[in-house]
């Protein structure tokens, strides 16, 4: 079965062979982490900063590797950020990287 859209944005649904390749590739990729239900305020700030990096990558249509080069950091560090590995970062480090990109963020302390 194939699903097609009308007009300019024509797209078809992958066949079973393509889906099998996609599933195999995804099975080897570490998933993104979620914010624990009772996360600390610091973890919440780190999570929100990671969201800003993901949005930056999507908005600017750049790869993680391109962002890593721009920030002069190892690409694995950017991958950890976009996978929300907040346990590997301090708030200070994420804020420093965000400031290098001139990301728009605000931290409220209550």
Protein backbone atom coordinates (compact mmCIF):
# COMPACT_ATOMS: atom_id res chain seq x y z
CA UNK A 1 0.00 0.00 0.00
CA UNK A 2 1.29 3.47 -0.87
CA UNK A 3 0.01 6.78 0.40
CA UNK A 4 0.55 9.82 -1.81
CA UNK A 5 -0.10 13.51 -1.27
CA UNK A 6 -1.41 15.71 -4.01
CA UNK A 7 0.48 18.69 -5.43
CA UNK A 8 4.00 19.99 -4.84
CA UNK A 9 4.71 18.16 -1.60
CA UNK A 10 4.31 14.75 -3.09
CA UNK A 11 5.44 12.07 -0.71
CA UNK A 12 4.98 8.33 -0.59
CA UNK A 13 4.97 5.93 2.31
CA UNK A 14 8.09 3.68 2.42
CA UNK A 15 7.70 0.09 1.30
CA UNK A 16 8.33 -2.82 3.68
CA UNK A 17 12.00 -3.19 2.65
CA UNK A 18 12.67 0.50 3.33
CA UNK A 19 10.83 0.28 6.65
CA UNK A 20 12.96 -2.69 7.69
CA UNK A 21 16.15 -0.69 6.99
CA UNK A 22 14.80 2.29 8.94
CA UNK A 23 13.84 0.09 11.91
CA UNK A 24 17.28 -1.53 11.93
CA UNK A 25 19.00 1.84 11.90
CA UNK A 26 16.79 3.20 14.69
CA UNK A 27 17.36 0.13 16.84
CA UNK A 28 21.07 1.05 17.03
CA UNK A 29 20.46 4.65 18.10
CA UNK A 30 20.29 5.71 21.74
CA UNK A 31 16.94 7.30 22.52
CA UNK A 32 16.46 10.82 23.81
CA UNK A 33 16.03 11.11 27.55
CA UNK A 34 12.97 12.55 29.20
CA UNK A 35 12.78 14.80 32.21
CA UNK A 36 12.00 12.83 35.39
CA UNK A 37 8.65 13.57 36.98
CA UNK A 38 10.20 15.05 40.13
CA UNK A 39 13.18 16.74 38.48
CA UNK A 40 15.17 19.35 40.35
CA UNK A 41 15.01 22.97 39.25
CA UNK A 42 18.57 22.66 37.92
CA UNK A 43 17.61 19.62 35.83
CA UNK A 44 14.57 21.49 34.51
CA UNK A 45 16.80 24.42 33.43
CA UNK A 46 19.25 22.01 31.74
CA UNK A 47 16.40 20.26 29.93
CA UNK A 48 15.00 23.56 28.67
CA UNK A 49 18.45 24.63 27.47
CA UNK A 50 18.80 21.35 25.56
CA UNK A 51 15.47 22.11 23.89
CA UNK A 52 16.93 25.43 22.71
CA UNK A 53 19.83 23.61 21.00
CA UNK A 54 17.45 21.21 19.25
CA UNK A 55 15.34 24.15 18.08
CA UNK A 56 18.48 25.96 16.87
CA UNK A 57 19.53 22.94 14.79
CA UNK A 58 16.06 22.61 13.26
CA UNK A 59 15.55 26.33 12.66
CA UNK A 60 18.97 26.78 11.03
CA UNK A 61 18.79 23.46 9.14
CA UNK A 62 22.28 22.44 10.23
CA UNK A 63 23.69 19.13 11.37
CA UNK A 64 24.97 18.31 14.82
CA UNK A 65 28.47 18.14 13.33
CA UNK A 66 28.13 21.65 11.89
CA UNK A 67 27.00 22.98 15.24
CA UNK A 68 29.89 21.24 16.98
CA UNK A 69 32.38 22.87 14.60
CA UNK A 70 30.75 26.25 15.15
CA UNK A 71 30.99 25.88 18.94
CA UNK A 72 34.46 24.23 18.83
CA UNK A 73 33.29 21.19 20.77
CA UNK A 74 33.39 17.48 20.07
CA UNK A 75 30.37 16.31 18.03
CA UNK A 76 29.60 13.72 20.71
CA UNK A 77 28.90 16.57 23.14
CA UNK A 78 26.28 18.03 20.81
CA UNK A 79 24.74 14.58 20.42
CA UNK A 80 24.51 14.30 24.21
CA UNK A 81 22.78 17.68 24.33
CA UNK A 82 20.20 16.82 21.66
CA UNK A 83 19.56 13.49 23.40
CA UNK A 84 18.82 15.46 26.60
CA UNK A 85 21.64 13.79 28.57
CA UNK A 86 21.32 16.44 31.27
CA UNK A 87 23.19 14.26 33.74
CA UNK A 88 26.38 14.90 31.74
CA UNK A 89 26.23 18.71 31.88
CA UNK A 90 26.15 21.49 34.40
CA UNK A 91 23.81 24.43 34.02
CA UNK A 92 26.90 26.63 33.65
CA UNK A 93 28.28 24.63 30.72
CA UNK A 94 24.97 24.59 28.83
CA UNK A 95 24.51 28.31 29.45
CA UNK A 96 28.02 29.01 28.21
CA UNK A 97 27.35 27.12 24.96
CA UNK A 98 23.95 28.78 24.58
CA UNK A 99 25.51 32.20 25.01
CA UNK A 100 28.05 31.41 22.27
CA UNK A 101 25.10 30.91 19.93
CA UNK A 102 23.34 33.96 21.27
CA UNK A 103 20.32 31.78 22.08
CA UNK A 104 17.37 33.58 23.56
CA UNK A 105 16.75 32.20 27.03
CA UNK A 106 15.80 33.42 30.46
CA UNK A 107 16.37 31.72 33.79
CA UNK A 108 13.99 32.62 36.61
CA UNK A 109 15.02 31.75 40.13
CA UNK A 110 12.21 31.22 42.60
